[in-house]
Amino acid sequence: MLYFTYIMASERQGTLYIGMTNDLVRRVWEHKNHCVKGFTTKYNISNLVWFEIHATAQSAISAEKRMKRYRRKWKVDLIEKENPNWIDLYDTISSP
């Protein structure tokens, strides 16, 4: 099984959310459809802007916790290194 650490954004340079999951397509869909009330619903965070794959849940959890400690500039730089236009990657991961 694969695990994912991911960053969602409300818009370009908007509010960020970092999470981890074992089903990235399902989890992003839940964020987009506001299935779980909370931070992402409150701030309308629905764009997947970055993710990485992990072989173990522990690795994904460790990455998530580490990333949450970093300053915003580090997170923005990480996103813009691979996704400079802050394109929503959901269609990329959900297409067959």
C-alpha atoms as a PDB file:
ATOM      1  CA  MET A   1       0.000   0.000   0.000  1.00  0.00           C
ATOM      2  CA  LEU A   2       1.168   3.524  -0.758  1.00  0.00           C
ATOM      3  CA  TYR A   3       0.758   6.565   1.463  1.00  0.00           C
ATOM      4  CA  PHE A   4       0.775  10.238   0.578  1.00  0.00           C
ATOM      5  CA  THR A   5       1.718  13.528   2.159  1.00  0.00           C
ATOM      6  CA  TYR A   6      -0.023  16.390   0.408  1.00  0.00           C
ATOM      7  CA  ILE A   7      -0.597  20.138   0.406  1.00  0.00           C
ATOM      8  CA  MET A   8      -3.931  21.718  -0.459  1.00  0.00           C
ATOM      9  CA  ALA A   9      -4.488  25.447  -1.036  1.00  0.00           C
ATOM     10  CA  SER A  10      -7.485  27.750  -1.179  1.00  0.00           C
ATOM     11  CA  GLU A  11      -5.941  29.643  -4.116  1.00  0.00           C
ATOM     12  CA  ARG A  12      -2.522  30.678  -5.392  1.00  0.00           C
ATOM     13  CA  GLN A  13      -0.585  31.889  -2.355  1.00  0.00           C
ATOM     14  CA  GLY A  14      -3.731  31.251  -0.271  1.00  0.00           C
ATOM     15  CA  THR A  15      -4.338  29.295   2.913  1.00  0.00           C
ATOM     16  CA  LEU A  16      -2.464  25.978   3.045  1.00  0.00           C
ATOM     17  CA  TYR A  17      -3.374  22.614   4.535  1.00  0.00           C
ATOM     18  CA  ILE A  18      -0.970  19.689   4.949  1.00  0.00           C
ATOM     19  CA  GLY A  19      -2.266  16.161   5.366  1.00  0.00           C
ATOM     20  CA  MET A  20      -1.522  12.494   4.821  1.00  0.00           C
ATOM     21  CA  THR A  21      -3.631   9.634   3.507  1.00  0.00           C
ATOM     22  CA  ASN A  22      -3.512   6.180   1.963  1.00  0.00           C
ATOM     23  CA  ASP A  23      -6.037   7.170  -0.740  1.00  0.00           C
ATOM     24  CA  LEU A  24      -5.151  10.527  -2.250  1.00  0.00           C
ATOM     25  CA  VAL A  25      -7.947  10.636  -4.840  1.00  0.00           C
ATOM     26  CA  ARG A  26     -10.642   9.923  -2.233  1.00  0.00           C
ATOM     27  CA  ARG A  27      -9.197  12.330   0.328  1.00  0.00           C
ATOM     28  CA  VAL A  28      -8.857  15.233  -2.113  1.00  0.00           C
ATOM     29  CA  TRP A  29     -12.390  14.565  -3.356  1.00  0.00           C
ATOM     30  CA  GLU A  30     -13.572  14.811   0.272  1.00  0.00           C
ATOM     31  CA  HIS A  31     -11.799  18.167   0.659  1.00  0.00           C
ATOM     32  CA  LYS A  32     -13.253  19.456  -2.609  1.00  0.00           C
ATOM     33  CA  ASN A  33     -16.770  18.428  -1.626  1.00  0.00           C
ATOM     34  CA  HIS A  34     -16.458  19.609   1.994  1.00  0.00           C
ATOM     35  CA  CYS A  35     -17.419  16.189   3.318  1.00  0.00           C
ATOM     36  CA  VAL A  36     -15.659  16.741   6.634  1.00  0.00           C
ATOM     37  CA  LYS A  37     -16.361  19.963   8.471  1.00  0.00           C
ATOM     38  CA  GLY A  38     -13.233  21.656   9.736  1.00  0.00           C
ATOM     39  CA  PHE A  39     -10.264  23.742   8.654  1.00  0.00           C
ATOM     40  CA  THR A  40     -10.450  23.001   4.918  1.00  0.00           C
ATOM     41  CA  THR A  41     -14.175  23.691   4.783  1.00  0.00           C
ATOM     42  CA  LYS A  42     -13.862  26.892   6.823  1.00  0.00           C
ATOM     43  CA  TYR A  43     -11.158  28.297   4.528  1.00  0.00           C
ATOM     44  CA  ASN A  44     -12.490  26.765   1.278  1.00  0.00           C
ATOM     45  CA  ILE A  45      -9.315  24.783   0.680  1.00  0.00           C
ATOM     46  CA  SER A  46      -9.919  22.581  -2.335  1.00  0.00           C
ATOM     47  CA  ASN A  47      -6.885  22.647  -4.657  1.00  0.00           C
ATOM     48  CA  LEU A  48      -4.272  19.911  -4.503  1.00  0.00           C
ATOM     49  CA  VAL A  49      -1.013  21.734  -5.226  1.00  0.00           C
ATOM     50  CA  TRP A  50       1.669  19.258  -4.099  1.00  0.00           C
ATOM     51  CA  PHE A  51       2.050  15.639  -2.980  1.00  0.00           C
ATOM     52  CA  GLU A  52       4.651  12.972  -2.434  1.00  0.00           C
ATOM     53  CA  ILE A  53       4.430   9.196  -2.194  1.00  0.00           C
ATOM     54  CA  HIS A  54       5.640   7.141   0.762  1.00  0.00           C
ATOM     55  CA  ALA A  55       6.080   3.411   1.171  1.00  0.00           C
ATOM     56  CA  THR A  56       4.911   3.372   4.782  1.00  0.00           C
ATOM     57  CA  ALA A  57       2.335   5.157   6.894  1.00  0.00           C
ATOM     58  CA  GLN A  58       5.022   6.089   9.409  1.00  0.00           C
ATOM     59  CA  SER A  59       7.085   7.803   6.714  1.00  0.00           C
ATOM     60  CA  ALA A  60       4.064   9.822   5.521  1.00  0.00           C
ATOM     61  CA  ILE A  61       3.096  10.782   9.086  1.00  0.00           C
ATOM     62  CA  SER A  62       6.674  11.850   9.859  1.00  0.00           C
ATOM     63  CA  ALA A  63       6.818  13.963   6.704  1.00  0.00           C
ATOM     64  CA  GLU A  64       3.468  15.587   7.528  1.00  0.00           C
ATOM     65  CA  LYS A  65       4.540  16.459  11.072  1.00  0.00           C
ATOM     66  CA  ARG A  66       7.916  17.785   9.887  1.00  0.00           C
ATOM     67  CA  MET A  67       6.358  19.931   7.148  1.00  0.00           C
ATOM     68  CA  LYS A  68       3.820  21.448   9.539  1.00  0.00           C
ATOM     69  CA  ARG A  69       6.724  22.796  11.619  1.00  0.00           C
ATOM     70  CA  TYR A  70       8.329  24.596   8.667  1.00  0.00           C
ATOM     71  CA  ARG A  71       7.689  28.228   7.906  1.00  0.00           C
ATOM     72  CA  ARG A  72       5.245  29.202   5.182  1.00  0.00           C
ATOM     73  CA  LYS A  73       8.051  30.365   2.842  1.00  0.00           C
ATOM     74  CA  TRP A  74       9.550  26.866   2.857  1.00  0.00           C
ATOM     75  CA  LYS A  75       6.158  25.367   1.963  1.00  0.00           C
ATOM     76  CA  VAL A  76       5.555  27.888  -0.828  1.00  0.00           C
ATOM     77  CA  ASP A  77       9.040  27.219  -2.223  1.00  0.00           C
ATOM     78  CA  LEU A  78       8.334  23.472  -2.151  1.00  0.00           C
ATOM     79  CA  ILE A  79       5.080  23.932  -4.073  1.00  0.00           C
ATOM     80  CA  GLU A  80       6.574  26.335  -6.606  1.00  0.00           C
ATOM     81  CA  LYS A  81       9.578  24.102  -7.272  1.00  0.00           C
ATOM     82  CA  GLU A  82       7.291  21.450  -8.802  1.00  0.00           C
ATOM     83  CA  ASN A  83       4.083  23.403  -9.460  1.00  0.00           C
ATOM     84  CA  PRO A  84       5.031  27.049 -10.153  1.00  0.00           C
ATOM     85  CA  ASN A  85       1.550  27.970 -11.373  1.00  0.00           C
ATOM     86  CA  TRP A  86      -0.236  26.354  -8.430  1.00  0.00           C
ATOM     87  CA  ILE A  87      -2.290  24.184 -10.799  1.00  0.00           C
ATOM     88  CA  ASP A  88      -4.869  21.933  -9.110  1.00  0.00           C
ATOM     89  CA  LEU A  89      -3.367  18.445  -9.521  1.00  0.00           C
ATOM     90  CA  TYR A  90      -6.607  16.595  -8.787  1.00  0.00           C
ATOM     91  CA  ASP A  91      -7.403  15.924 -12.455  1.00  0.00           C
ATOM     92  CA  THR A  92      -3.880  14.530 -12.887  1.00  0.00           C
ATOM     93  CA  ILE A  93      -4.317  11.955 -10.117  1.00  0.00           C
ATOM     94  CA  SER A  94      -7.980  11.116 -10.721  1.00  0.00           C
ATOM     95  CA  SER A  95      -7.768  10.463 -14.459  1.00  0.00           C
ATOM     96  CA  PRO A  96      -7.487   6.821 -15.551  1.00  0.00           C
END
